[in-house]
Amino acid sequence: TKAILEDRPIDVFNYGKMKRDFTYI
């Protein structure tokens, strides 16, 4: 979020081939 708002590139590891079980707080 910070990088996109500041027009900087984001580091996407494993060339984007990652999966995460994101869990809302």
mmCIF file of all heavy atoms, coordinates in Angstrom:
data_MODEL
# 
_entry.id   MODEL 
# 
loop_
_atom_site.group_PDB 
_atom_site.id 
_atom_site.type_symbol 
_atom_site.label_atom_id 
_atom_site.label_alt_id 
_atom_site.label_comp_id 
_atom_site.label_asym_id 
_atom_site.label_entity_id 
_atom_site.label_seq_id 
_atom_site.pdbx_PDB_ins_code 
_atom_site.Cartn_x 
_atom_site.Cartn_y 
_atom_site.Cartn_z 
_atom_site.occupancy 
_atom_site.B_iso_or_equiv 
_atom_site.pdbx_formal_charge 
_atom_site.auth_seq_id 
_atom_site.auth_comp_id 
_atom_site.auth_asym_id 
_atom_site.auth_atom_id 
_atom_site.pdbx_PDB_model_num 
ATOM 1   N N   . THR A 1 1  ? 0.834   -1.204  0.000   1.00 0.00 ? 1  THR A N   1 
ATOM 2   C CA  . THR A 1 1  ? 0.000   0.000   0.000   1.00 0.00 ? 1  THR A CA  1 
ATOM 3   C C   . THR A 1 1  ? 0.868   1.253   0.000   1.00 0.00 ? 1  THR A C   1 
ATOM 4   O O   . THR A 1 1  ? 0.647   2.186   -0.784  1.00 0.00 ? 1  THR A O   1 
ATOM 5   C CB  . THR A 1 1  ? -0.936  0.002   1.233   1.00 0.00 ? 1  THR A CB  1 
ATOM 6   O OG1 . THR A 1 1  ? -1.793  -1.143  1.158   1.00 0.00 ? 1  THR A OG1 1 
ATOM 7   C CG2 . THR A 1 1  ? -1.783  1.258   1.295   1.00 0.00 ? 1  THR A CG2 1 
ATOM 8   N N   . LYS A 1 2  ? 1.880   1.273   0.855   1.00 0.00 ? 2  LYS A N   1 
ATOM 9   C CA  . LYS A 1 2  ? 2.782   2.433   0.962   1.00 0.00 ? 2  LYS A CA  1 
ATOM 10  C C   . LYS A 1 2  ? 3.511   2.684   -0.357  1.00 0.00 ? 2  LYS A C   1 
ATOM 11  O O   . LYS A 1 2  ? 3.559   3.807   -0.868  1.00 0.00 ? 2  LYS A O   1 
ATOM 12  C CB  . LYS A 1 2  ? 3.796   2.187   2.081   1.00 0.00 ? 2  LYS A CB  1 
ATOM 13  C CG  . LYS A 1 2  ? 4.678   3.377   2.430   1.00 0.00 ? 2  LYS A CG  1 
ATOM 14  C CD  . LYS A 1 2  ? 5.523   3.059   3.663   1.00 0.00 ? 2  LYS A CD  1 
ATOM 15  C CE  . LYS A 1 2  ? 6.222   4.299   4.203   1.00 0.00 ? 2  LYS A CE  1 
ATOM 16  N NZ  . LYS A 1 2  ? 7.254   4.834   3.315   1.00 0.00 ? 2  LYS A NZ  1 
ATOM 17  N N   . ALA A 1 3  ? 4.061   1.598   -0.944  1.00 0.00 ? 3  ALA A N   1 
ATOM 18  C CA  . ALA A 1 3  ? 4.833   1.731   -2.186  1.00 0.00 ? 3  ALA A CA  1 
ATOM 19  C C   . ALA A 1 3  ? 3.958   2.200   -3.347  1.00 0.00 ? 3  ALA A C   1 
ATOM 20  O O   . ALA A 1 3  ? 4.352   3.086   -4.118  1.00 0.00 ? 3  ALA A O   1 
ATOM 21  C CB  . ALA A 1 3  ? 5.495   0.402   -2.525  1.00 0.00 ? 3  ALA A CB  1 
ATOM 22  N N   . ILE A 1 4  ? 2.770   1.627   -3.465  1.00 0.00 ? 4  ILE A N   1 
ATOM 23  C CA  . ILE A 1 4  ? 1.874   1.997   -4.582  1.00 0.00 ? 4  ILE A CA  1 
ATOM 24  C C   . ILE A 1 4  ? 1.488   3.467   -4.479  1.00 0.00 ? 4  ILE A C   1 
ATOM 25  O O   . ILE A 1 4  ? 1.511   4.199   -5.472  1.00 0.00 ? 4  ILE A O   1 
ATOM 26  C CB  . ILE A 1 4  ? 0.620   1.088   -4.602  1.00 0.00 ? 4  ILE A CB  1 
ATOM 27  C CG1 . ILE A 1 4  ? 1.007   -0.355  -4.936  1.00 0.00 ? 4  ILE A CG1 1 
ATOM 28  C CG2 . ILE A 1 4  ? -0.399  1.597   -5.631  1.00 0.00 ? 4  ILE A CG2 1 
ATOM 29  C CD1 . ILE A 1 4  ? -0.078  -1.391  -4.679  1.00 0.00 ? 4  ILE A CD1 1 
ATOM 30  N N   . LEU A 1 5  ? 1.159   3.921   -3.277  1.00 0.00 ? 5  LEU A N   1 
ATOM 31  C CA  . LEU A 1 5  ? 0.781   5.325   -3.084  1.00 0.00 ? 5  LEU A CA  1 
ATOM 32  C C   . LEU A 1 5  ? 1.952   6.266   -3.367  1.00 0.00 ? 5  LEU A C   1 
ATOM 33  O O   . LEU A 1 5  ? 1.753   7.416   -3.773  1.00 0.00 ? 5  LEU A O   1 
ATOM 34  C CB  . LEU A 1 5  ? 0.262   5.548   -1.663  1.00 0.00 ? 5  LEU A CB  1 
ATOM 35  C CG  . LEU A 1 5  ? -1.149  5.034   -1.380  1.00 0.00 ? 5  LEU A CG  1 
ATOM 36  C CD1 . LEU A 1 5  ? -1.469  5.113   0.106   1.00 0.00 ? 5  LEU A CD1 1 
ATOM 37  C CD2 . LEU A 1 5  ? -2.195  5.815   -2.184  1.00 0.00 ? 5  LEU A CD2 1 
ATOM 38  N N   . GLU A 1 6  ? 3.186   5.770   -3.164  1.00 0.00 ? 6  GLU A N   1 
ATOM 39  C CA  . GLU A 1 6  ? 4.376   6.601   -3.397  1.00 0.00 ? 6  GLU A CA  1 
ATOM 40  C C   . GLU A 1 6  ? 4.974   6.388   -4.789  1.00 0.00 ? 6  GLU A C   1 
ATOM 41  O O   . GLU A 1 6  ? 6.091   6.839   -5.076  1.00 0.00 ? 6  GLU A O   1 
ATOM 42  C CB  . GLU A 1 6  ? 5.427   6.288   -2.323  1.00 0.00 ? 6  GLU A CB  1 
ATOM 43  C CG  . GLU A 1 6  ? 4.994   6.722   -0.925  1.00 0.00 ? 6  GLU A CG  1 
ATOM 44  C CD  . GLU A 1 6  ? 5.961   6.258   0.165   1.00 0.00 ? 6  GLU A CD  1 
ATOM 45  O OE1 . GLU A 1 6  ? 6.960   5.578   -0.165  1.00 0.00 ? 6  GLU A OE1 1 
ATOM 46  O OE2 . GLU A 1 6  ? 5.697   6.564   1.354   1.00 0.00 ? 6  GLU A OE2 1 
ATOM 47  N N   . ASP A 1 7  ? 4.238   5.680   -5.655  1.00 0.00 ? 7  ASP A N   1 
ATOM 48  C CA  . ASP A 1 7  ? 4.680   5.400   -7.034  1.00 0.00 ? 7  ASP A CA  1 
ATOM 49  C C   . ASP A 1 7  ? 5.991   4.633   -7.108  1.00 0.00 ? 7  ASP A C   1 
ATOM 50  O O   . ASP A 1 7  ? 6.782   4.811   -8.040  1.00 0.00 ? 7  ASP A O   1 
ATOM 51  C CB  . ASP A 1 7  ? 4.807   6.699   -7.850  1.00 0.00 ? 7  ASP A CB  1 
ATOM 52  C CG  . ASP A 1 7  ? 3.453   7.260   -8.219  1.00 0.00 ? 7  ASP A CG  1 
ATOM 53  O OD1 . ASP A 1 7  ? 2.581   6.463   -8.604  1.00 0.00 ? 7  ASP A OD1 1 
ATOM 54  O OD2 . ASP A 1 7  ? 3.256   8.490   -8.098  1.00 0.00 ? 7  ASP A OD2 1 
ATOM 55  N N   . ARG A 1 8  ? 6.226   3.788   -6.103  1.00 0.00 ? 8  ARG A N   1 
ATOM 56  C CA  . ARG A 1 8  ? 7.415   2.933   -6.114  1.00 0.00 ? 8  ARG A CA  1 
ATOM 57  C C   . ARG A 1 8  ? 7.004   1.503   -6.466  1.00 0.00 ? 8  ARG A C   1 
ATOM 58  O O   . ARG A 1 8  ? 5.886   1.073   -6.155  1.00 0.00 ? 8  ARG A O   1 
ATOM 59  C CB  . ARG A 1 8  ? 8.093   2.935   -4.739  1.00 0.00 ? 8  ARG A CB  1 
ATOM 60  C CG  . ARG A 1 8  ? 8.728   4.259   -4.360  1.00 0.00 ? 8  ARG A CG  1 
ATOM 61  C CD  . ARG A 1 8  ? 9.485   4.176   -3.045  1.00 0.00 ? 8  ARG A CD  1 
ATOM 62  N NE  . ARG A 1 8  ? 8.614   3.993   -1.895  1.00 0.00 ? 8  ARG A NE  1 
ATOM 63  C CZ  . ARG A 1 8  ? 8.466   2.849   -1.235  1.00 0.00 ? 8  ARG A CZ  1 
ATOM 64  N NH1 . ARG A 1 8  ? 9.115   1.742   -1.618  1.00 0.00 ? 8  ARG A NH1 1 
ATOM 65  N NH2 . ARG A 1 8  ? 7.658   2.774   -0.179  1.00 0.00 ? 8  ARG A NH2 1 
ATOM 66  N N   . PRO A 1 9  ? 7.918   0.731   -7.099  1.00 0.00 ? 9  PRO A N   1 
ATOM 67  C CA  . PRO A 1 9  ? 7.572   -0.667  -7.415  1.00 0.00 ? 9  PRO A CA  1 
ATOM 68  C C   . PRO A 1 9  ? 7.492   -1.516  -6.150  1.00 0.00 ? 9  PRO A C   1 
ATOM 69  O O   . PRO A 1 9  ? 8.173   -1.238  -5.156  1.00 0.00 ? 9  PRO A O   1 
ATOM 70  C CB  . PRO A 1 9  ? 8.722   -1.131  -8.316  1.00 0.00 ? 9  PRO A CB  1 
ATOM 71  C CG  . PRO A 1 9  ? 9.854   -0.206  -8.029  1.00 0.00 ? 9  PRO A CG  1 
ATOM 72  C CD  . PRO A 1 9  ? 9.252   1.107   -7.615  1.00 0.00 ? 9  PRO A CD  1 
ATOM 73  N N   . ILE A 1 10 ? 6.652   -2.548  -6.177  1.00 0.00 ? 10 ILE A N   1 
ATOM 74  C CA  . ILE A 1 10 ? 6.543   -3.481  -5.052  1.00 0.00 ? 10 ILE A CA  1 
ATOM 75  C C   . ILE A 1 10 ? 7.363   -4.729  -5.359  1.00 0.00 ? 10 ILE A C   1 
ATOM 76  O O   . ILE A 1 10 ? 7.460   -5.147  -6.511  1.00 0.00 ? 10 ILE A O   1 
ATOM 77  C CB  . ILE A 1 10 ? 5.074   -3.849  -4.747  1.00 0.00 ? 10 ILE A CB  1 
ATOM 78  C CG1 . ILE A 1 10 ? 4.415   -4.540  -5.947  1.00 0.00 ? 10 ILE A CG1 1 
ATOM 79  C CG2 . ILE A 1 10 ? 4.282   -2.614  -4.334  1.00 0.00 ? 10 ILE A CG2 1 
ATOM 80  C CD1 . ILE A 1 10 ? 3.031   -5.083  -5.659  1.00 0.00 ? 10 ILE A CD1 1 
ATOM 81  N N   . ASP A 1 11 ? 7.984   -5.316  -4.350  1.00 0.00 ? 11 ASP A N   1 
ATOM 82  C CA  . ASP A 1 11 ? 8.749   -6.553  -4.510  1.00 0.00 ? 11 ASP A CA  1 
ATOM 83  C C   . ASP A 1 11 ? 7.803   -7.748  -4.426  1.00 0.00 ? 11 ASP A C   1 
ATOM 84  O O   . ASP A 1 11 ? 7.182   -7.979  -3.385  1.00 0.00 ? 11 ASP A O   1 
ATOM 85  C CB  . ASP A 1 11 ? 9.833   -6.671  -3.425  1.00 0.00 ? 11 ASP A CB  1 
ATOM 86  C CG  . ASP A 1 11 ? 10.951  -5.656  -3.624  1.00 0.00 ? 11 ASP A CG  1 
ATOM 87  O OD1 . ASP A 1 11 ? 11.124  -5.173  -4.762  1.00 0.00 ? 11 ASP A OD1 1 
ATOM 88  O OD2 . ASP A 1 11 ? 11.651  -5.353  -2.641  1.00 0.00 ? 11 ASP A OD2 1 
ATOM 89  N N   . VAL A 1 12 ? 7.709   -8.471  -5.531  1.00 0.00 ? 12 VAL A N   1 
ATOM 90  C CA  . VAL A 1 12 ? 6.815   -9.630  -5.603  1.00 0.00 ? 12 VAL A CA  1 
ATOM 91  C C   . VAL A 1 12 ? 7.677   -10.889 -5.645  1.00 0.00 ? 12 VAL A C   1 
ATOM 92  O O   . VAL A 1 12 ? 8.283   -11.209 -6.664  1.00 0.00 ? 12 VAL A O   1 
ATOM 93  C CB  . VAL A 1 12 ? 5.895   -9.549  -6.843  1.00 0.00 ? 12 VAL A CB  1 
ATOM 94  C CG1 . VAL A 1 12 ? 4.942   -10.747 -6.890  1.00 0.00 ? 12 VAL A CG1 1 
ATOM 95  C CG2 . VAL A 1 12 ? 5.119   -8.237  -6.848  1.00 0.00 ? 12 VAL A CG2 1 
ATOM 96  N N   . PHE A 1 13 ? 7.739   -11.595 -4.523  1.00 0.00 ? 13 PHE A N   1 
ATOM 97  C CA  . PHE A 1 13 ? 8.648   -12.736 -4.409  1.00 0.00 ? 13 PHE A CA  1 
ATOM 98  C C   . PHE A 1 13 ? 8.077   -14.013 -5.041  1.00 0.00 ? 13 PHE A C   1 
ATOM 99  O O   . PHE A 1 13 ? 6.866   -14.155 -5.197  1.00 0.00 ? 13 PHE A O   1 
ATOM 100 C CB  . PHE A 1 13 ? 9.023   -12.971 -2.941  1.00 0.00 ? 13 PHE A CB  1 
ATOM 101 C CG  . PHE A 1 13 ? 9.833   -11.837 -2.359  1.00 0.00 ? 13 PHE A CG  1 
ATOM 102 C CD1 . PHE A 1 13 ? 9.254   -10.906 -1.500  1.00 0.00 ? 13 PHE A CD1 1 
ATOM 103 C CD2 . PHE A 1 13 ? 11.167  -11.669 -2.712  1.00 0.00 ? 13 PHE A CD2 1 
ATOM 104 C CE1 . PHE A 1 13 ? 9.989   -9.843  -0.993  1.00 0.00 ? 13 PHE A CE1 1 
ATOM 105 C CE2 . PHE A 1 13 ? 11.915  -10.618 -2.206  1.00 0.00 ? 13 PHE A CE2 1 
ATOM 106 C CZ  . PHE A 1 13 ? 11.326  -9.703  -1.349  1.00 0.00 ? 13 PHE A CZ  1 
ATOM 107 N N   . ASN A 1 14 ? 8.997   -14.907 -5.395  1.00 0.00 ? 14 ASN A N   1 
ATOM 108 C CA  . ASN A 1 14 ? 8.664   -16.157 -6.091  1.00 0.00 ? 14 ASN A CA  1 
ATOM 109 C C   . ASN A 1 14 ? 7.893   -15.867 -7.379  1.00 0.00 ? 14 ASN A C   1 
ATOM 110 O O   . ASN A 1 14 ? 7.062   -16.662 -7.817  1.00 0.00 ? 14 ASN A O   1 
ATOM 111 C CB  . ASN A 1 14 ? 7.867   -17.115 -5.196  1.00 0.00 ? 14 ASN A CB  1 
ATOM 112 C CG  . ASN A 1 14 ? 8.023   -18.563 -5.618  1.00 0.00 ? 14 ASN A CG  1 
ATOM 113 O OD1 . ASN A 1 14 ? 9.045   -18.954 -6.169  1.00 0.00 ? 14 ASN A OD1 1 
ATOM 114 N ND2 . ASN A 1 14 ? 7.005   -19.367 -5.370  1.00 0.00 ? 14 ASN A ND2 1 
ATOM 115 N N   . TYR A 1 15 ? 8.190   -14.694 -7.961  1.00 0.00 ? 15 TYR A N   1 
ATOM 116 C CA  . TYR A 1 15 ? 7.589   -14.261 -9.224  1.00 0.00 ? 15 TYR A CA  1 
ATOM 117 C C   . TYR A 1 15 ? 6.052   -14.285 -9.160  1.00 0.00 ? 15 TYR A C   1 
ATOM 118 O O   . TYR A 1 15 ? 5.367   -14.538 -10.157 1.00 0.00 ? 15 TYR A O   1 
ATOM 119 C CB  . TYR A 1 15 ? 8.104   -15.134 -10.386 1.00 0.00 ? 15 TYR A CB  1 
ATOM 120 C CG  . TYR A 1 15 ? 9.613   -15.196 -10.406 1.00 0.00 ? 15 TYR A CG  1 
ATOM 121 C CD1 . TYR A 1 15 ? 10.296  -16.323 -9.956  1.00 0.00 ? 15 TYR A CD1 1 
ATOM 122 C CD2 . TYR A 1 15 ? 10.373  -14.099 -10.822 1.00 0.00 ? 15 TYR A CD2 1 
ATOM 123 C CE1 . TYR A 1 15 ? 11.688  -16.367 -9.930  1.00 0.00 ? 15 TYR A CE1 1 
ATOM 124 C CE2 . TYR A 1 15 ? 11.764  -14.129 -10.812 1.00 0.00 ? 15 TYR A CE2 1 
ATOM 125 C CZ  . TYR A 1 15 ? 12.420  -15.267 -10.358 1.00 0.00 ? 15 TYR A CZ  1 
ATOM 126 O OH  . TYR A 1 15 ? 13.792  -15.299 -10.329 1.00 0.00 ? 15 TYR A OH  1 
ATOM 127 N N   . GLY A 1 16 ? 5.536   -14.043 -7.945  1.00 0.00 ? 16 GLY A N   1 
ATOM 128 C CA  . GLY A 1 16 ? 4.084   -13.990 -7.752  1.00 0.00 ? 16 GLY A CA  1 
ATOM 129 C C   . GLY A 1 16 ? 3.437   -15.332 -7.508  1.00 0.00 ? 16 GLY A C   1 
ATOM 130 O O   . GLY A 1 16 ? 2.233   -15.417 -7.221  1.00 0.00 ? 16 GLY A O   1 
ATOM 131 N N   . LYS A 1 17 ? 4.207   -16.414 -7.599  1.00 0.00 ? 17 LYS A N   1 
ATOM 132 C CA  . LYS A 1 17 ? 3.626   -17.756 -7.422  1.00 0.00 ? 17 LYS A CA  1 
ATOM 133 C C   . LYS A 1 17 ? 3.608   -18.137 -5.936  1.00 0.00 ? 17 LYS A C   1 
ATOM 134 O O   . LYS A 1 17 ? 4.262   -19.085 -5.510  1.00 0.00 ? 17 LYS A O   1 
ATOM 135 C CB  . LYS A 1 17 ? 4.415   -18.785 -8.238  1.00 0.00 ? 17 LYS A CB  1 
ATOM 136 C CG  . LYS A 1 17 ? 4.303   -18.575 -9.751  1.00 0.00 ? 17 LYS A CG  1 
ATOM 137 C CD  . LYS A 1 17 ? 5.134   -19.581 -10.516 1.00 0.00 ? 17 LYS A CD  1 
ATOM 138 C CE  . LYS A 1 17 ? 4.918   -19.465 -12.011 1.00 0.00 ? 17 LYS A CE  1 
ATOM 139 N NZ  . LYS A 1 17 ? 5.327   -18.168 -12.566 1.00 0.00 ? 17 LYS A NZ  1 
ATOM 140 N N   . MET A 1 18 ? 2.884   -17.349 -5.179  1.00 0.00 ? 18 MET A N   1 
ATOM 141 C CA  . MET A 1 18 ? 2.743   -17.564 -3.743  1.00 0.00 ? 18 MET A CA  1 
ATOM 142 C C   . MET A 1 18 ? 1.260   -17.593 -3.397  1.00 0.00 ? 18 MET A C   1 
ATOM 143 O O   . MET A 1 18 ? 0.453   -16.912 -4.043  1.00 0.00 ? 18 MET A O   1 
ATOM 144 C CB  . MET A 1 18 ? 3.389   -16.417 -2.948  1.00 0.00 ? 18 MET A CB  1 
ATOM 145 C CG  . MET A 1 18 ? 4.834   -16.137 -3.269  1.00 0.00 ? 18 MET A CG  1 
ATOM 146 S SD  . MET A 1 18 ? 5.965   -17.104 -2.264  1.00 0.00 ? 18 MET A SD  1 
ATOM 147 C CE  . MET A 1 18 ? 6.222   -16.012 -0.890  1.00 0.00 ? 18 MET A CE  1 
ATOM 148 N N   . LYS A 1 19 ? 0.927   -18.364 -2.379  1.00 0.00 ? 19 LYS A N   1 
ATOM 149 C CA  . LYS A 1 19 ? -0.444  -18.378 -1.850  1.00 0.00 ? 19 LYS A CA  1 
ATOM 150 C C   . LYS A 1 19 ? -0.368  -18.184 -0.345  1.00 0.00 ? 19 LYS A C   1 
ATOM 151 O O   . LYS A 1 19 ? 0.482   -18.786 0.305   1.00 0.00 ? 19 LYS A O   1 
ATOM 152 C CB  . LYS A 1 19 ? -1.138  -19.709 -2.148  1.00 0.00 ? 19 LYS A CB  1 
ATOM 153 C CG  . LYS A 1 19 ? -1.612  -19.885 -3.570  1.00 0.00 ? 19 LYS A CG  1 
ATOM 154 C CD  . LYS A 1 19 ? -2.392  -21.190 -3.680  1.00 0.00 ? 19 LYS A CD  1 
ATOM 155 C CE  . LYS A 1 19 ? -2.890  -21.408 -5.090  1.00 0.00 ? 19 LYS A CE  1 
ATOM 156 N NZ  . LYS A 1 19 ? -3.668  -22.672 -5.189  1.00 0.00 ? 19 LYS A NZ  1 
ATOM 157 N N   . ARG A 1 20 ? -1.269  -17.351 0.172   1.00 0.00 ? 20 ARG A N   1 
ATOM 158 C CA  . ARG A 1 20 ? -1.310  -17.143 1.607   1.00 0.00 ? 20 ARG A CA  1 
ATOM 159 C C   . ARG A 1 20 ? -2.759  -17.225 2.094   1.00 0.00 ? 20 ARG A C   1 
ATOM 160 O O   . ARG A 1 20 ? -3.675  -16.743 1.433   1.00 0.00 ? 20 ARG A O   1 
ATOM 161 C CB  . ARG A 1 20 ? -0.726  -15.764 1.987   1.00 0.00 ? 20 ARG A CB  1 
ATOM 162 C CG  . ARG A 1 20 ? 0.793   -15.670 1.899   1.00 0.00 ? 20 ARG A CG  1 
ATOM 163 C CD  . ARG A 1 20 ? 1.474   -16.491 2.960   1.00 0.00 ? 20 ARG A CD  1 
ATOM 164 N NE  . ARG A 1 20 ? 2.917   -16.428 2.883   1.00 0.00 ? 20 ARG A NE  1 
ATOM 165 C CZ  . ARG A 1 20 ? 3.686   -17.251 2.175   1.00 0.00 ? 20 ARG A CZ  1 
ATOM 166 N NH1 . ARG A 1 20 ? 3.128   -18.202 1.443   1.00 0.00 ? 20 ARG A NH1 1 
ATOM 167 N NH2 . ARG A 1 20 ? 4.997   -17.138 2.186   1.00 0.00 ? 20 ARG A NH2 1 
ATOM 168 N N   . ASP A 1 21 ? -2.915  -17.823 3.262   1.00 0.00 ? 21 ASP A N   1 
ATOM 169 C CA  . ASP A 1 21 ? -4.234  -17.921 3.879   1.00 0.00 ? 21 ASP A CA  1 
ATOM 170 C C   . ASP A 1 21 ? -4.461  -16.658 4.706   1.00 0.00 ? 21 ASP A C   1 
ATOM 171 O O   . ASP A 1 21 ? -4.367  -16.675 5.931   1.00 0.00 ? 21 ASP A O   1 
ATOM 172 C CB  . ASP A 1 21 ? -4.311  -19.182 4.747   1.00 0.00 ? 21 ASP A CB  1 
ATOM 173 C CG  . ASP A 1 21 ? -5.748  -19.608 5.007   1.00 0.00 ? 21 ASP A CG  1 
ATOM 174 O OD1 . ASP A 1 21 ? -6.641  -18.766 4.838   1.00 0.00 ? 21 ASP A OD1 1 
ATOM 175 O OD2 . ASP A 1 21 ? -5.961  -20.773 5.372   1.00 0.00 ? 21 ASP A OD2 1 
ATOM 176 N N   . PHE A 1 22 ? -4.709  -15.542 4.009   1.00 0.00 ? 22 PHE A N   1 
ATOM 177 C CA  . PHE A 1 22 ? -4.898  -14.250 4.669   1.00 0.00 ? 22 PHE A CA  1 
ATOM 178 C C   . PHE A 1 22 ? -6.114  -14.289 5.590   1.00 0.00 ? 22 PHE A C   1 
ATOM 179 O O   . PHE A 1 22 ? -7.198  -14.681 5.180   1.00 0.00 ? 22 PHE A O   1 
ATOM 180 C CB  . PHE A 1 22 ? -5.079  -13.147 3.627   1.00 0.00 ? 22 PHE A CB  1 
ATOM 181 C CG  . PHE A 1 22 ? -3.857  -12.883 2.793   1.00 0.00 ? 22 PHE A CG  1 
ATOM 182 C CD1 . PHE A 1 22 ? -3.754  -13.392 1.503   1.00 0.00 ? 22 PHE A CD1 1 
ATOM 183 C CD2 . PHE A 1 22 ? -2.798  -12.137 3.297   1.00 0.00 ? 22 PHE A CD2 1 
ATOM 184 C CE1 . PHE A 1 22 ? -2.630  -13.147 0.723   1.00 0.00 ? 22 PHE A CE1 1 
ATOM 185 C CE2 . PHE A 1 22 ? -1.669  -11.886 2.532   1.00 0.00 ? 22 PHE A CE2 1 
ATOM 186 C CZ  . PHE A 1 22 ? -1.583  -12.395 1.244   1.00 0.00 ? 22 PHE A CZ  1 
ATOM 187 N N   . THR A 1 23 ? -5.913  -13.856 6.847   1.00 0.00 ? 23 THR A N   1 
ATOM 188 C CA  . THR A 1 23 ? -6.981  -13.924 7.848   1.00 0.00 ? 23 THR A CA  1 
ATOM 189 C C   . THR A 1 23 ? -7.198  -12.546 8.459   1.00 0.00 ? 23 THR A C   1 
ATOM 190 O O   . THR A 1 23 ? -6.274  -11.942 9.002   1.00 0.00 ? 23 THR A O   1 
ATOM 191 C CB  . THR A 1 23 ? -6.634  -14.945 8.949   1.00 0.00 ? 23 THR A CB  1 
ATOM 192 O OG1 . THR A 1 23 ? -6.151  -16.147 8.339   1.00 0.00 ? 23 THR A OG1 1 
ATOM 193 C CG2 . THR A 1 23 ? -7.857  -15.265 9.789   1.00 0.00 ? 23 THR A CG2 1 
ATOM 194 N N   . TYR A 1 24 ? -8.432  -12.061 8.347   1.00 0.00 ? 24 TYR A N   1 
ATOM 195 C CA  . TYR A 1 24 ? -8.767  -10.710 8.809   1.00 0.00 ? 24 TYR A CA  1 
ATOM 196 C C   . TYR A 1 24 ? -8.693  -10.626 10.329  1.00 0.00 ? 24 TYR A C   1 
ATOM 197 O O   . TYR A 1 24 ? -9.084  -11.561 11.039  1.00 0.00 ? 24 TYR A O   1 
ATOM 198 C CB  . TYR A 1 24 ? -10.158 -10.321 8.310   1.00 0.00 ? 24 TYR A CB  1 
ATOM 199 C CG  . TYR A 1 24 ? -10.498 -8.872  8.512   1.00 0.00 ? 24 TYR A CG  1 
ATOM 200 C CD1 . TYR A 1 24 ? -9.701  -7.857  7.976   1.00 0.00 ? 24 TYR A CD1 1 
ATOM 201 C CD2 . TYR A 1 24 ? -11.634 -8.495  9.239   1.00 0.00 ? 24 TYR A CD2 1 
ATOM 202 C CE1 . TYR A 1 24 ? -10.023 -6.518  8.154   1.00 0.00 ? 24 TYR A CE1 1 
ATOM 203 C CE2 . TYR A 1 24 ? -11.961 -7.160  9.416   1.00 0.00 ? 24 TYR A CE2 1 
ATOM 204 C CZ  . TYR A 1 24 ? -11.145 -6.179  8.875   1.00 0.00 ? 24 TYR A CZ  1 
ATOM 205 O OH  . TYR A 1 24 ? -11.453 -4.848  9.052   1.00 0.00 ? 24 TYR A OH  1 
ATOM 206 N N   . ILE A 1 25 ? -8.230  -9.501  10.836  1.00 0.00 ? 25 ILE A N   1 
ATOM 207 C CA  . ILE A 1 25 ? -7.959  -9.328  12.261  1.00 0.00 ? 25 ILE A CA  1 
ATOM 208 C C   . ILE A 1 25 ? -9.183  -9.602  13.140  1.00 0.00 ? 25 ILE A C   1 
ATOM 209 O O   . ILE A 1 25 ? -9.071  -10.221 14.200  1.00 0.00 ? 25 ILE A O   1 
ATOM 210 C CB  . ILE A 1 25 ? -7.378  -7.911  12.550  1.00 0.00 ? 25 ILE A CB  1 
ATOM 211 C CG1 . ILE A 1 25 ? -7.001  -7.758  14.028  1.00 0.00 ? 25 ILE A CG1 1 
ATOM 212 C CG2 . ILE A 1 25 ? -8.310  -6.816  12.077  1.00 0.00 ? 25 ILE A CG2 1 
ATOM 213 C CD1 . ILE A 1 25 ? -5.950  -8.708  14.540  1.00 0.00 ? 25 ILE A CD1 1 
# 
